[in-house]
Amino acid sequence: MTMNIGENVLQILQEAGPQGLHVGKISLHVFNGMNSLFEERDFEEVHHDVNMFLIKQAKKKRPLVIRLRRGVYKINKRAMNDIELQFKFKEPSMEEHSTEDMVREHRQGKEEDDIYLPFF
């Protein structure tokens, strides 16, 4: 499964930590992550897309990315925490879902056991 440029950039910046990274290094990481034997993209195209993503994100009212100085960006932890919190409220957790499935399967198994009573 391939990620888009925005997801790649956010993952790279999250790994970079509070000191952030320069656009050139971010572009290089994204370029290396996106290229494969079957799909090859031009570095200049990837660099332009990464640069535009970072500029647009940094100018938003609630940016996911903060510009530290010219060409250096870091992730906005507060915005990322807000997004994670929204996802937690919108999607049921896998643990709850799997527990419900286990209870349902257990009940179905009991019904099947009741249908076939042993003769001996």
PDB file of N, CA and C in Angstrom:
ATOM      1  N   MET A   1       0.850  -1.173   0.000  1.00  0.00           N
ATOM      2  CA  MET A   1       0.000   0.000   0.000  1.00  0.00           C
ATOM      3  C   MET A   1       0.899   1.241   0.000  1.00  0.00           C
ATOM      4  N   THR A   2       0.609   2.148  -0.890  1.00  0.00           N
ATOM      5  CA  THR A   2       1.419   3.357  -0.962  1.00  0.00           C
ATOM      6  C   THR A   2       0.704   4.501  -0.260  1.00  0.00           C
ATOM      7  N   MET A   3       1.500   5.346   0.365  1.00  0.00           N
ATOM      8  CA  MET A   3       0.954   6.519   1.031  1.00  0.00           C
ATOM      9  C   MET A   3       1.113   7.714   0.105  1.00  0.00           C
ATOM     10  N   ASN A   4       0.263   8.705   0.279  1.00  0.00           N
ATOM     11  CA  ASN A   4       0.420   9.905  -0.516  1.00  0.00           C
ATOM     12  C   ASN A   4       1.513  10.784   0.087  1.00  0.00           C
ATOM     13  N   ILE A   5       1.837  11.857  -0.602  1.00  0.00           N
ATOM     14  CA  ILE A   5       2.943  12.718  -0.174  1.00  0.00           C
ATOM     15  C   ILE A   5       2.682  13.318   1.207  1.00  0.00           C
ATOM     16  N   GLY A   6       1.473  13.770   1.460  1.00  0.00           N
ATOM     17  CA  GLY A   6       1.152  14.371   2.749  1.00  0.00           C
ATOM     18  C   GLY A   6       1.355  13.407   3.904  1.00  0.00           C
ATOM     19  N   GLU A   7       0.885  12.167   3.734  1.00  0.00           N
ATOM     20  CA  GLU A   7       1.064  11.169   4.790  1.00  0.00           C
ATOM     21  C   GLU A   7       2.536  10.871   5.011  1.00  0.00           C
ATOM     22  N   ASN A   8       3.306  10.762   3.913  1.00  0.00           N
ATOM     23  CA  ASN A   8       4.751  10.522   4.024  1.00  0.00           C
ATOM     24  C   ASN A   8       5.439  11.647   4.775  1.00  0.00           C
ATOM     25  N   VAL A   9       5.116  12.881   4.426  1.00  0.00           N
ATOM     26  CA  VAL A   9       5.748  14.048   5.055  1.00  0.00           C
ATOM     27  C   VAL A   9       5.438  14.071   6.545  1.00  0.00           C
ATOM     28  N   LEU A  10       4.191  13.846   6.906  1.00  0.00           N
ATOM     29  CA  LEU A  10       3.810  13.867   8.318  1.00  0.00           C
ATOM     30  C   LEU A  10       4.505  12.760   9.101  1.00  0.00           C
ATOM     31  N   GLN A  11       4.628  11.578   8.500  1.00  0.00           N
ATOM     32  CA  GLN A  11       5.316  10.483   9.174  1.00  0.00           C
ATOM     33  C   GLN A  11       6.794  10.812   9.370  1.00  0.00           C
ATOM     34  N   ILE A  12       7.429  11.384   8.362  1.00  0.00           N
ATOM     35  CA  ILE A  12       8.849  11.746   8.446  1.00  0.00           C
ATOM     36  C   ILE A  12       9.069  12.826   9.494  1.00  0.00           C
ATOM     37  N   LEU A  13       8.206  13.829   9.508  1.00  0.00           N
ATOM     38  CA  LEU A  13       8.343  14.899  10.497  1.00  0.00           C
ATOM     39  C   LEU A  13       8.075  14.397  11.914  1.00  0.00           C
ATOM     40  N   GLN A  14       7.184  13.450  12.037  1.00  0.00           N
ATOM     41  CA  GLN A  14       6.908  12.891  13.355  1.00  0.00           C
ATOM     42  C   GLN A  14       8.131  12.136  13.872  1.00  0.00           C
ATOM     43  N   GLU A  15       8.807  11.425  12.984  1.00  0.00           N
ATOM     44  CA  GLU A  15      10.017  10.707  13.366  1.00  0.00           C
ATOM     45  C   GLU A  15      11.180  11.662  13.641  1.00  0.00           C
ATOM     46  N   ALA A  16      11.175  12.829  12.980  1.00  0.00           N
ATOM     47  CA  ALA A  16      12.271  13.788  13.137  1.00  0.00           C
ATOM     48  C   ALA A  16      12.276  14.425  14.519  1.00  0.00           C
ATOM     49  N   GLY A  17      11.111  14.569  15.117  1.00  0.00           N
ATOM     50  CA  GLY A  17      11.040  15.133  16.452  1.00  0.00           C
ATOM     51  C   GLY A  17      10.904  16.647  16.459  1.00  0.00           C
ATOM     52  N   PRO A  18      11.146  17.270  17.614  1.00  0.00           N
ATOM     53  CA  PRO A  18      10.894  18.704  17.782  1.00  0.00           C
ATOM     54  C   PRO A  18      11.871  19.614  17.029  1.00  0.00           C
ATOM     55  N   GLN A  19      13.028  19.104  16.623  1.00  0.00           N
ATOM     56  CA  GLN A  19      13.982  19.948  15.911  1.00  0.00           C
ATOM     57  C   GLN A  19      13.586  20.135  14.445  1.00  0.00           C
ATOM     58  N   GLY A  20      12.714  19.273  13.909  1.00  0.00           N
ATOM     59  CA  GLY A  20      12.249  19.401  12.540  1.00  0.00           C
ATOM     60  C   GLY A  20      13.295  18.971  11.525  1.00  0.00           C
ATOM     61  N   LEU A  21      12.967  19.176  10.257  1.00  0.00           N
ATOM     62  CA  LEU A  21      13.859  18.820   9.154  1.00  0.00           C
ATOM     63  C   LEU A  21      13.779  19.865   8.051  1.00  0.00           C
ATOM     64  N   HIS A  22      14.839  19.936   7.263  1.00  0.00           N
ATOM     65  CA  HIS A  22      14.890  20.826   6.102  1.00  0.00           C
ATOM     66  C   HIS A  22      14.087  20.204   4.962  1.00  0.00           C
ATOM     67  N   VAL A  23      13.494  21.043   4.135  1.00  0.00           N
ATOM     68  CA  VAL A  23      12.659  20.593   3.024  1.00  0.00           C
ATOM     69  C   VAL A  23      13.414  19.615   2.121  1.00  0.00           C
ATOM     70  N   GLY A  24      14.685  19.868   1.875  1.00  0.00           N
ATOM     71  CA  GLY A  24      15.464  18.994   1.009  1.00  0.00           C
ATOM     72  C   GLY A  24      15.564  17.578   1.557  1.00  0.00           C
ATOM     73  N   LYS A  25      15.771  17.454   2.854  1.00  0.00           N
ATOM     74  CA  LYS A  25      15.860  16.123   3.470  1.00  0.00           C
ATOM     75  C   LYS A  25      14.503  15.436   3.484  1.00  0.00           C
ATOM     76  N   ILE A  26      13.462  16.198   3.744  1.00  0.00           N
ATOM     77  CA  ILE A  26      12.109  15.627   3.716  1.00  0.00           C
ATOM     78  C   ILE A  26      11.808  15.112   2.314  1.00  0.00           C
ATOM     79  N   SER A  27      12.139  15.918   1.299  1.00  0.00           N
ATOM     80  CA  SER A  27      11.902  15.528  -0.085  1.00  0.00           C
ATOM     81  C   SER A  27      12.662  14.258  -0.435  1.00  0.00           C
ATOM     82  N   LEU A  28      13.895  14.161   0.013  1.00  0.00           N
ATOM     83  CA  LEU A  28      14.713  12.981  -0.269  1.00  0.00           C
ATOM     84  C   LEU A  28      14.103  11.725   0.360  1.00  0.00           C
ATOM     85  N   HIS A  29      13.639  11.841   1.607  1.00  0.00           N
ATOM     86  CA  HIS A  29      12.996  10.697   2.265  1.00  0.00           C
ATOM     87  C   HIS A  29      11.718  10.289   1.529  1.00  0.00           C
ATOM     88  N   VAL A  30      10.908  11.267   1.142  1.00  0.00           N
ATOM     89  CA  VAL A  30       9.669  10.968   0.422  1.00  0.00           C
ATOM     90  C   VAL A  30       9.992  10.338  -0.925  1.00  0.00           C
ATOM     91  N   PHE A  31      10.977  10.888  -1.628  1.00  0.00           N
ATOM     92  CA  PHE A  31      11.399  10.367  -2.927  1.00  0.00           C
ATOM     93  C   PHE A  31      11.828   8.906  -2.802  1.00  0.00           C
ATOM     94  N   ASN A  32      12.653   8.601  -1.805  1.00  0.00           N
ATOM     95  CA  ASN A  32      13.120   7.231  -1.607  1.00  0.00           C
ATOM     96  C   ASN A  32      11.974   6.294  -1.231  1.00  0.00           C
ATOM     97  N   GLY A  33      11.019   6.781  -0.480  1.00  0.00           N
ATOM     98  CA  GLY A  33       9.894   5.954  -0.072  1.00  0.00           C
ATOM     99  C   GLY A  33       8.891   5.700  -1.180  1.00  0.00           C
ATOM    100  N   MET A  34       8.813   6.585  -2.152  1.00  0.00           N
ATOM    101  CA  MET A  34       7.812   6.464  -3.204  1.00  0.00           C
ATOM    102  C   MET A  34       8.310   5.707  -4.430  1.00  0.00           C
ATOM    103  N   ASN A  35       9.599   5.693  -4.666  1.00  0.00           N
ATOM    104  CA  ASN A  35      10.129   5.044  -5.858  1.00  0.00           C
ATOM    105  C   ASN A  35      10.241   3.545  -5.663  1.00  0.00           C
ATOM    106  N   SER A  36       9.939   2.823  -6.715  1.00  0.00           N
ATOM    107  CA  SER A  36      10.055   1.368  -6.704  1.00  0.00           C
ATOM    108  C   SER A  36      10.466   0.920  -8.103  1.00  0.00           C
ATOM    109  N   LEU A  37      10.553  -0.380  -8.292  1.00  0.00           N
ATOM    110  CA  LEU A  37      10.909  -0.904  -9.609  1.00  0.00           C
ATOM    111  C   LEU A  37       9.830  -0.599 -10.651  1.00  0.00           C
ATOM    112  N   PHE A  38       8.594  -0.531 -10.196  1.00  0.00           N
ATOM    113  CA  PHE A  38       7.481  -0.383 -11.123  1.00  0.00           C
ATOM    114  C   PHE A  38       7.009   1.051 -11.295  1.00  0.00           C
ATOM    115  N   GLU A  39       7.367   1.912 -10.373  1.00  0.00           N
ATOM    116  CA  GLU A  39       6.936   3.314 -10.446  1.00  0.00           C
ATOM    117  C   GLU A  39       8.096   4.207 -10.030  1.00  0.00           C
ATOM    118  N   GLU A  40       8.524   5.049 -10.948  1.00  0.00           N
ATOM    119  CA  GLU A  40       9.626   5.954 -10.641  1.00  0.00           C
ATOM    120  C   GLU A  40       9.166   7.381 -10.890  1.00  0.00           C
ATOM    121  N   ARG A  41       9.432   8.240  -9.914  1.00  0.00           N
ATOM    122  CA  ARG A  41       9.061   9.647 -10.037  1.00  0.00           C
ATOM    123  C   ARG A  41      10.315  10.496 -10.057  1.00  0.00           C
ATOM    124  N   ASP A  42      10.225  11.638 -10.692  1.00  0.00           N
ATOM    125  CA  ASP A  42      11.331  12.580 -10.776  1.00  0.00           C
ATOM    126  C   ASP A  42      11.508  13.284  -9.431  1.00  0.00           C
ATOM    127  N   PHE A  43      12.767  13.452  -8.995  1.00  0.00           N
ATOM    128  CA  PHE A  43      13.034  14.083  -7.708  1.00  0.00           C
ATOM    129  C   PHE A  43      12.513  15.515  -7.674  1.00  0.00           C
ATOM    130  N   GLU A  44      12.689  16.257  -8.757  1.00  0.00           N
ATOM    131  CA  GLU A  44      12.227  17.654  -8.780  1.00  0.00           C
ATOM    132  C   GLU A  44      10.711  17.744  -8.607  1.00  0.00           C
ATOM    133  N   GLU A  45       9.987  16.802  -9.195  1.00  0.00           N
ATOM    134  CA  GLU A  45       8.532  16.779  -9.056  1.00  0.00           C
ATOM    135  C   GLU A  45       8.137  16.485  -7.601  1.00  0.00           C
ATOM    136  N   VAL A  46       8.799  15.510  -6.991  1.00  0.00           N
ATOM    137  CA  VAL A  46       8.521  15.167  -5.594  1.00  0.00           C
ATOM    138  C   VAL A  46       8.869  16.341  -4.686  1.00  0.00           C
ATOM    139  N   HIS A  47      10.029  16.972  -4.932  1.00  0.00           N
ATOM    140  CA  HIS A  47      10.455  18.111  -4.119  1.00  0.00           C
ATOM    141  C   HIS A  47       9.446  19.261  -4.224  1.00  0.00           C
ATOM    142  N   HIS A  48       8.963  19.523  -5.415  1.00  0.00           N
ATOM    143  CA  HIS A  48       7.965  20.588  -5.607  1.00  0.00           C
ATOM    144  C   HIS A  48       6.684  20.262  -4.845  1.00  0.00           C
ATOM    145  N   ASP A  49       6.216  19.006  -4.951  1.00  0.00           N
ATOM    146  CA  ASP A  49       4.991  18.603  -4.258  1.00  0.00           C
ATOM    147  C   ASP A  49       5.146  18.690  -2.736  1.00  0.00           C
ATOM    148  N   VAL A  50       6.290  18.253  -2.226  1.00  0.00           N
ATOM    149  CA  VAL A  50       6.557  18.320  -0.791  1.00  0.00           C
ATOM    150  C   VAL A  50       6.597  19.774  -0.335  1.00  0.00           C
ATOM    151  N   ASN A  51       7.289  20.614  -1.092  1.00  0.00           N
ATOM    152  CA  ASN A  51       7.401  22.026  -0.752  1.00  0.00           C
ATOM    153  C   ASN A  51       6.027  22.700  -0.723  1.00  0.00           C
ATOM    154  N   MET A  52       5.193  22.419  -1.723  1.00  0.00           N
ATOM    155  CA  MET A  52       3.849  23.006  -1.769  1.00  0.00           C
ATOM    156  C   MET A  52       3.001  22.516  -0.598  1.00  0.00           C
ATOM    157  N   PHE A  53       3.110  21.235  -0.274  1.00  0.00           N
ATOM    158  CA  PHE A  53       2.354  20.695   0.863  1.00  0.00           C
ATOM    159  C   PHE A  53       2.745  21.411   2.151  1.00  0.00           C
ATOM    160  N   LEU A  54       4.048  21.555   2.377  1.00  0.00           N
ATOM    161  CA  LEU A  54       4.525  22.196   3.607  1.00  0.00           C
ATOM    162  C   LEU A  54       4.110  23.661   3.687  1.00  0.00           C
ATOM    163  N   ILE A  55       4.229  24.381   2.587  1.00  0.00           N
ATOM    164  CA  ILE A  55       3.853  25.800   2.569  1.00  0.00           C
ATOM    165  C   ILE A  55       2.361  25.959   2.857  1.00  0.00           C
ATOM    166  N   LYS A  56       1.523  25.134   2.189  1.00  0.00           N
ATOM    167  CA  LYS A  56       0.079  25.224   2.393  1.00  0.00           C
ATOM    168  C   LYS A  56      -0.299  24.870   3.828  1.00  0.00           C
ATOM    169  N   GLN A  57       0.313  23.827   4.366  1.00  0.00           N
ATOM    170  CA  GLN A  57      -0.004  23.413   5.726  1.00  0.00           C
ATOM    171  C   GLN A  57       0.412  24.469   6.752  1.00  0.00           C
ATOM    172  N   ALA A  58       1.567  25.073   6.538  1.00  0.00           N
ATOM    173  CA  ALA A  58       2.076  26.061   7.501  1.00  0.00           C
ATOM    174  C   ALA A  58       1.238  27.337   7.516  1.00  0.00           C
ATOM    175  N   LYS A  59       0.518  27.613   6.437  1.00  0.00           N
ATOM    176  CA  LYS A  59      -0.284  28.840   6.358  1.00  0.00           C
ATOM    177  C   LYS A  59      -1.711  28.663   6.859  1.00  0.00           C
ATOM    178  N   LYS A  60      -2.110  27.437   7.167  1.00  0.00           N
ATOM    179  CA  LYS A  60      -3.476  27.200   7.627  1.00  0.00           C
ATOM    180  C   LYS A  60      -3.697  27.787   9.018  1.00  0.00           C
ATOM    181  N   LYS A  61      -4.973  27.977   9.346  1.00  0.00           N
ATOM    182  CA  LYS A  61      -5.330  28.515  10.652  1.00  0.00           C
ATOM    183  C   LYS A  61      -4.914  27.560  11.775  1.00  0.00           C
ATOM    184  N   ARG A  62      -5.132  26.265  11.585  1.00  0.00           N
ATOM    185  CA  ARG A  62      -4.695  25.232  12.534  1.00  0.00           C
ATOM    186  C   ARG A  62      -3.756  24.295  11.787  1.00  0.00           C
ATOM    187  N   PRO A  63      -2.493  24.691  11.643  1.00  0.00           N
ATOM    188  CA  PRO A  63      -1.574  23.929  10.791  1.00  0.00           C
ATOM    189  C   PRO A  63      -1.123  22.607  11.414  1.00  0.00           C
ATOM    190  N   LEU A  64      -0.929  21.610  10.538  1.00  0.00           N
ATOM    191  CA  LEU A  64      -0.340  20.351  10.975  1.00  0.00           C
ATOM    192  C   LEU A  64       1.175  20.468  11.050  1.00  0.00           C
ATOM    193  N   VAL A  65       1.714  21.440  10.298  1.00  0.00           N
ATOM    194  CA  VAL A  65       3.156  21.639  10.198  1.00  0.00           C
ATOM    195  C   VAL A  65       3.481  23.083  10.549  1.00  0.00           C
ATOM    196  N   ILE A  66       4.551  23.278  11.317  1.00  0.00           N
ATOM    197  CA  ILE A  66       4.991  24.614  11.718  1.00  0.00           C
ATOM    198  C   ILE A  66       6.335  24.904  11.063  1.00  0.00           C
ATOM    199  N   ARG A  67       6.462  26.109  10.536  1.00  0.00           N
ATOM    200  CA  ARG A  67       7.735  26.532   9.949  1.00  0.00           C
ATOM    201  C   ARG A  67       8.605  27.114  11.059  1.00  0.00           C
ATOM    202  N   LEU A  68       9.770  26.504  11.282  1.00  0.00           N
ATOM    203  CA  LEU A  68      10.690  26.977  12.317  1.00  0.00           C
ATOM    204  C   LEU A  68      11.534  28.139  11.809  1.00  0.00           C
ATOM    205  N   ARG A  69      12.101  27.966  10.643  1.00  0.00           N
ATOM    206  CA  ARG A  69      12.867  29.004   9.955  1.00  0.00           C
ATOM    207  C   ARG A  69      12.824  28.667   8.475  1.00  0.00           C
ATOM    208  N   ARG A  70      13.468  29.440   7.670  1.00  0.00           N
ATOM    209  CA  ARG A  70      13.379  29.244   6.226  1.00  0.00           C
ATOM    210  C   ARG A  70      13.790  27.822   5.832  1.00  0.00           C
ATOM    211  N   GLY A  71      12.831  27.089   5.272  1.00  0.00           N
ATOM    212  CA  GLY A  71      13.091  25.748   4.774  1.00  0.00           C
ATOM    213  C   GLY A  71      13.083  24.652   5.809  1.00  0.00           C
ATOM    214  N   VAL A  72      12.847  24.973   7.076  1.00  0.00           N
ATOM    215  CA  VAL A  72      12.853  23.961   8.135  1.00  0.00           C
ATOM    216  C   VAL A  72      11.456  23.911   8.761  1.00  0.00           C
ATOM    217  N   TYR A  73      10.904  22.689   8.812  1.00  0.00           N
ATOM    218  CA  TYR A  73       9.553  22.494   9.325  1.00  0.00           C
ATOM    219  C   TYR A  73       9.542  21.398  10.381  1.00  0.00           C
ATOM    220  N   LYS A  74       8.555  21.504  11.276  1.00  0.00           N
ATOM    221  CA  LYS A  74       8.336  20.448  12.268  1.00  0.00           C
ATOM    222  C   LYS A  74       6.843  20.210  12.381  1.00  0.00           C
ATOM    223  N   ILE A  75       6.509  19.101  12.997  1.00  0.00           N
ATOM    224  CA  ILE A  75       5.105  18.748  13.156  1.00  0.00           C
ATOM    225  C   ILE A  75       4.511  19.550  14.314  1.00  0.00           C
ATOM    226  N   ASN A  76       3.268  19.951  14.162  1.00  0.00           N
ATOM    227  CA  ASN A  76       2.551  20.654  15.211  1.00  0.00           C
ATOM    228  C   ASN A  76       1.897  19.600  16.100  1.00  0.00           C
ATOM    229  N   LYS A  77       2.505  19.321  17.244  1.00  0.00           N
ATOM    230  CA  LYS A  77       2.029  18.260  18.134  1.00  0.00           C
ATOM    231  C   LYS A  77       0.600  18.506  18.609  1.00  0.00           C
ATOM    232  N   ARG A  78       0.264  19.749  18.866  1.00  0.00           N
ATOM    233  CA  ARG A  78      -1.084  20.060  19.351  1.00  0.00           C
ATOM    234  C   ARG A  78      -2.131  19.692  18.298  1.00  0.00           C
ATOM    235  N   ALA A  79      -1.880  20.032  17.052  1.00  0.00           N
ATOM    236  CA  ALA A  79      -2.825  19.706  15.987  1.00  0.00           C
ATOM    237  C   ALA A  79      -2.911  18.198  15.779  1.00  0.00           C
ATOM    238  N   MET A  80      -1.776  17.506  15.849  1.00  0.00           N
ATOM    239  CA  MET A  80      -1.778  16.055  15.674  1.00  0.00           C
ATOM    240  C   MET A  80      -2.533  15.372  16.809  1.00  0.00           C
ATOM    241  N   ASN A  81      -2.396  15.871  18.032  1.00  0.00           N
ATOM    242  CA  ASN A  81      -3.134  15.305  19.166  1.00  0.00           C
ATOM    243  C   ASN A  81      -4.633  15.502  18.986  1.00  0.00           C
ATOM    244  N   ASP A  82      -5.039  16.671  18.458  1.00  0.00           N
ATOM    245  CA  ASP A  82      -6.452  16.926  18.195  1.00  0.00           C
ATOM    246  C   ASP A  82      -7.004  15.957  17.161  1.00  0.00           C
ATOM    247  N   ILE A  83      -6.225  15.698  16.121  1.00  0.00           N
ATOM    248  CA  ILE A  83      -6.663  14.786  15.064  1.00  0.00           C
ATOM    249  C   ILE A  83      -6.785  13.363  15.612  1.00  0.00           C
ATOM    250  N   GLU A  84      -5.809  12.912  16.393  1.00  0.00           N
ATOM    251  CA  GLU A  84      -5.872  11.579  16.979  1.00  0.00           C
ATOM    252  C   GLU A  84      -7.075  11.435  17.886  1.00  0.00           C
ATOM    253  N   LEU A  85      -7.373  12.470  18.644  1.00  0.00           N
ATOM    254  CA  LEU A  85      -8.524  12.435  19.538  1.00  0.00           C
ATOM    255  C   LEU A  85      -9.818  12.330  18.737  1.00  0.00           C
ATOM    256  N   GLN A  86      -9.913  13.046  17.616  1.00  0.00           N
ATOM    257  CA  GLN A  86     -11.093  12.956  16.766  1.00  0.00           C
ATOM    258  C   GLN A  86     -11.269  11.549  16.225  1.00  0.00           C
ATOM    259  N   PHE A  87     -10.174  10.914  15.801  1.00  0.00           N
ATOM    260  CA  PHE A  87     -10.256   9.558  15.285  1.00  0.00           C
ATOM    261  C   PHE A  87     -10.698   8.573  16.363  1.00  0.00           C
ATOM    262  N   LYS A  88     -10.255   8.782  17.579  1.00  0.00           N
ATOM    263  CA  LYS A  88     -10.638   7.879  18.663  1.00  0.00           C
ATOM    264  C   LYS A  88     -12.133   7.946  18.926  1.00  0.00           C
ATOM    265  N   PHE A  89     -12.734   9.128  18.779  1.00  0.00           N
ATOM    266  CA  PHE A  89     -14.163   9.260  19.010  1.00  0.00           C
ATOM    267  C   PHE A  89     -14.985   8.767  17.829  1.00  0.00           C
ATOM    268  N   LYS A  90     -14.447   8.864  16.614  1.00  0.00           N
ATOM    269  CA  LYS A  90     -15.205   8.482  15.425  1.00  0.00           C
ATOM    270  C   LYS A  90     -15.192   6.985  15.166  1.00  0.00           C
ATOM    271  N   GLU A  91     -14.077   6.312  15.369  1.00  0.00           N
ATOM    272  CA  GLU A  91     -13.942   4.907  15.030  1.00  0.00           C
ATOM    273  C   GLU A  91     -13.974   4.045  16.287  1.00  0.00           C
ATOM    274  N   PRO A  92     -14.759   2.963  16.255  1.00  0.00           N
ATOM    275  CA  PRO A  92     -14.718   2.054  17.402  1.00  0.00           C
ATOM    276  C   PRO A  92     -13.371   1.350  17.430  1.00  0.00           C
ATOM    277  N   SER A  93     -12.913   1.084  18.619  1.00  0.00           N
ATOM    278  CA  SER A  93     -11.603   0.448  18.731  1.00  0.00           C
ATOM    279  C   SER A  93     -11.693  -1.001  18.283  1.00  0.00           C
ATOM    280  N   MET A  94     -10.579  -1.525  17.818  1.00  0.00           N
ATOM    281  CA  MET A  94     -10.528  -2.897  17.335  1.00  0.00           C
ATOM    282  C   MET A  94     -10.763  -3.891  18.475  1.00  0.00           C
ATOM    283  N   GLU A  95     -10.337  -3.543  19.688  1.00  0.00           N
ATOM    284  CA  GLU A  95     -10.513  -4.438  20.816  1.00  0.00           C
ATOM    285  C   GLU A  95     -11.994  -4.662  21.109  1.00  0.00           C
ATOM    286  N   GLU A  96     -12.795  -3.588  21.087  1.00  0.00           N
ATOM    287  CA  GLU A  96     -14.221  -3.720  21.342  1.00  0.00           C
ATOM    288  C   GLU A  96     -14.876  -4.560  20.255  1.00  0.00           C
ATOM    289  N   HIS A  97     -14.491  -4.305  19.018  1.00  0.00           N
ATOM    290  CA  HIS A  97     -15.075  -5.022  17.893  1.00  0.00           C
ATOM    291  C   HIS A  97     -14.728  -6.507  17.973  1.00  0.00           C
ATOM    292  N   SER A  98     -13.490  -6.819  18.256  1.00  0.00           N
ATOM    293  CA  SER A  98     -13.078  -8.214  18.305  1.00  0.00           C
ATOM    294  C   SER A  98     -13.731  -8.933  19.489  1.00  0.00           C
ATOM    295  N   THR A  99     -13.945  -8.254  20.592  1.00  0.00           N
ATOM    296  CA  THR A  99     -14.612  -8.861  21.738  1.00  0.00           C
ATOM    297  C   THR A  99     -16.059  -9.183  21.391  1.00  0.00           C
ATOM    298  N   GLU A 100     -16.733  -8.255  20.721  1.00  0.00           N
ATOM    299  CA  GLU A 100     -18.112  -8.494  20.302  1.00  0.00           C
ATOM    300  C   GLU A 100     -18.182  -9.681  19.350  1.00  0.00           C
ATOM    301  N   ASP A 101     -17.240  -9.771  18.430  1.00  0.00           N
ATOM    302  CA  ASP A 101     -17.208 -10.889  17.502  1.00  0.00           C
ATOM    303  C   ASP A 101     -16.990 -12.208  18.230  1.00  0.00           C
ATOM    304  N   MET A 102     -16.105 -12.183  19.227  1.00  0.00           N
ATOM    305  CA  MET A 102     -15.834 -13.404  19.982  1.00  0.00           C
ATOM    306  C   MET A 102     -17.083 -13.870  20.737  1.00  0.00           C
ATOM    307  N   VAL A 103     -17.830 -12.943  21.335  1.00  0.00           N
ATOM    308  CA  VAL A 103     -19.056 -13.291  22.062  1.00  0.00           C
ATOM    309  C   VAL A 103     -20.082 -13.857  21.086  1.00  0.00           C
ATOM    310  N   ARG A 104     -20.227 -13.223  19.934  1.00  0.00           N
ATOM    311  CA  ARG A 104     -21.179 -13.687  18.922  1.00  0.00           C
ATOM    312  C   ARG A 104     -20.803 -15.089  18.443  1.00  0.00           C
ATOM    313  N   GLU A 105     -19.533 -15.324  18.172  1.00  0.00           N
ATOM    314  CA  GLU A 105     -19.087 -16.641  17.726  1.00  0.00           C
ATOM    315  C   GLU A 105     -19.305 -17.684  18.815  1.00  0.00           C
ATOM    316  N   HIS A 106     -19.054 -17.287  20.051  1.00  0.00           N
ATOM    317  CA  HIS A 106     -19.251 -18.223  21.165  1.00  0.00           C
ATOM    318  C   HIS A 106     -20.723 -18.626  21.272  1.00  0.00           C
ATOM    319  N   ARG A 107     -21.628 -17.660  21.132  1.00  0.00           N
ATOM    320  CA  ARG A 107     -23.061 -17.950  21.211  1.00  0.00           C
ATOM    321  C   ARG A 107     -23.499 -18.842  20.062  1.00  0.00           C
ATOM    322  N   GLN A 108     -22.985 -18.577  18.865  1.00  0.00           N
ATOM    323  CA  GLN A 108     -23.322 -19.412  17.719  1.00  0.00           C
ATOM    324  C   GLN A 108     -22.807 -20.830  17.925  1.00  0.00           C
ATOM    325  N   GLY A 109     -21.648 -20.961  18.510  1.00  0.00           N
ATOM    326  CA  GLY A 109     -21.099 -22.286  18.788  1.00  0.00           C
ATOM    327  C   GLY A 109     -21.961 -23.057  19.777  1.00  0.00           C
ATOM    328  N   LYS A 110     -22.504 -22.346  20.785  1.00  0.00           N
ATOM    329  CA  LYS A 110     -23.380 -22.979  21.777  1.00  0.00           C
ATOM    330  C   LYS A 110     -24.660 -23.478  21.117  1.00  0.00           C
ATOM    331  N   GLU A 111     -25.228 -22.661  20.188  1.00  0.00           N
ATOM    332  CA  GLU A 111     -26.450 -23.056  19.503  1.00  0.00           C
ATOM    333  C   GLU A 111     -26.209 -24.304  18.672  1.00  0.00           C
ATOM    334  N   GLU A 112     -25.065 -24.380  17.996  1.00  0.00           N
ATOM    335  CA  GLU A 112     -24.750 -25.550  17.189  1.00  0.00           C
ATOM    336  C   GLU A 112     -24.576 -26.771  18.074  1.00  0.00           C
ATOM    337  N   ASP A 113     -23.973 -26.599  19.245  1.00  0.00           N
ATOM    338  CA  ASP A 113     -23.804 -27.715  20.173  1.00  0.00           C
ATOM    339  C   ASP A 113     -25.157 -28.239  20.662  1.00  0.00           C
ATOM    340  N   ASP A 114     -26.115 -27.352  20.878  1.00  0.00           N
ATOM    341  CA  ASP A 114     -27.435 -27.727  21.362  1.00  0.00           C
ATOM    342  C   ASP A 114     -28.222 -28.485  20.302  1.00  0.00           C
ATOM    343  N   ILE A 115     -27.998 -28.199  19.029  1.00  0.00           N
ATOM    344  CA  ILE A 115     -28.731 -28.850  17.941  1.00  0.00           C
ATOM    345  C   ILE A 115     -28.338 -30.323  17.850  1.00  0.00           C
ATOM    346  N   TYR A 116     -27.071 -30.623  17.962  1.00  0.00           N
ATOM    347  CA  TYR A 116     -26.565 -31.983  17.810  1.00  0.00           C
ATOM    348  C   TYR A 116     -26.322 -32.603  19.181  1.00  0.00           C
ATOM    349  N   LEU A 117     -27.339 -33.228  19.733  1.00  0.00           N
ATOM    350  CA  LEU A 117     -27.215 -33.878  21.025  1.00  0.00           C
ATOM    351  C   LEU A 117     -26.684 -35.302  20.821  1.00  0.00           C
ATOM    352  N   PRO A 118     -25.787 -35.720  21.698  1.00  0.00           N
ATOM    353  CA  PRO A 118     -25.277 -37.075  21.556  1.00  0.00           C
ATOM    354  C   PRO A 118     -26.331 -38.115  21.926  1.00  0.00           C
ATOM    355  N   PHE A 119     -26.337 -39.245  21.226  1.00  0.00           N
ATOM    356  CA  PHE A 119     -27.300 -40.305  21.485  1.00  0.00           C
ATOM    357  C   PHE A 119     -26.854 -41.227  22.607  1.00  0.00           C
ATOM    358  N   PHE A 120     -25.590 -41.261  22.923  1.00  0.00           N
ATOM    359  CA  PHE A 120     -25.095 -42.200  23.926  1.00  0.00           C
ATOM    360  C   PHE A 120     -24.719 -41.515  25.178  1.00  0.00           C
TER     361      PHE A 120
END
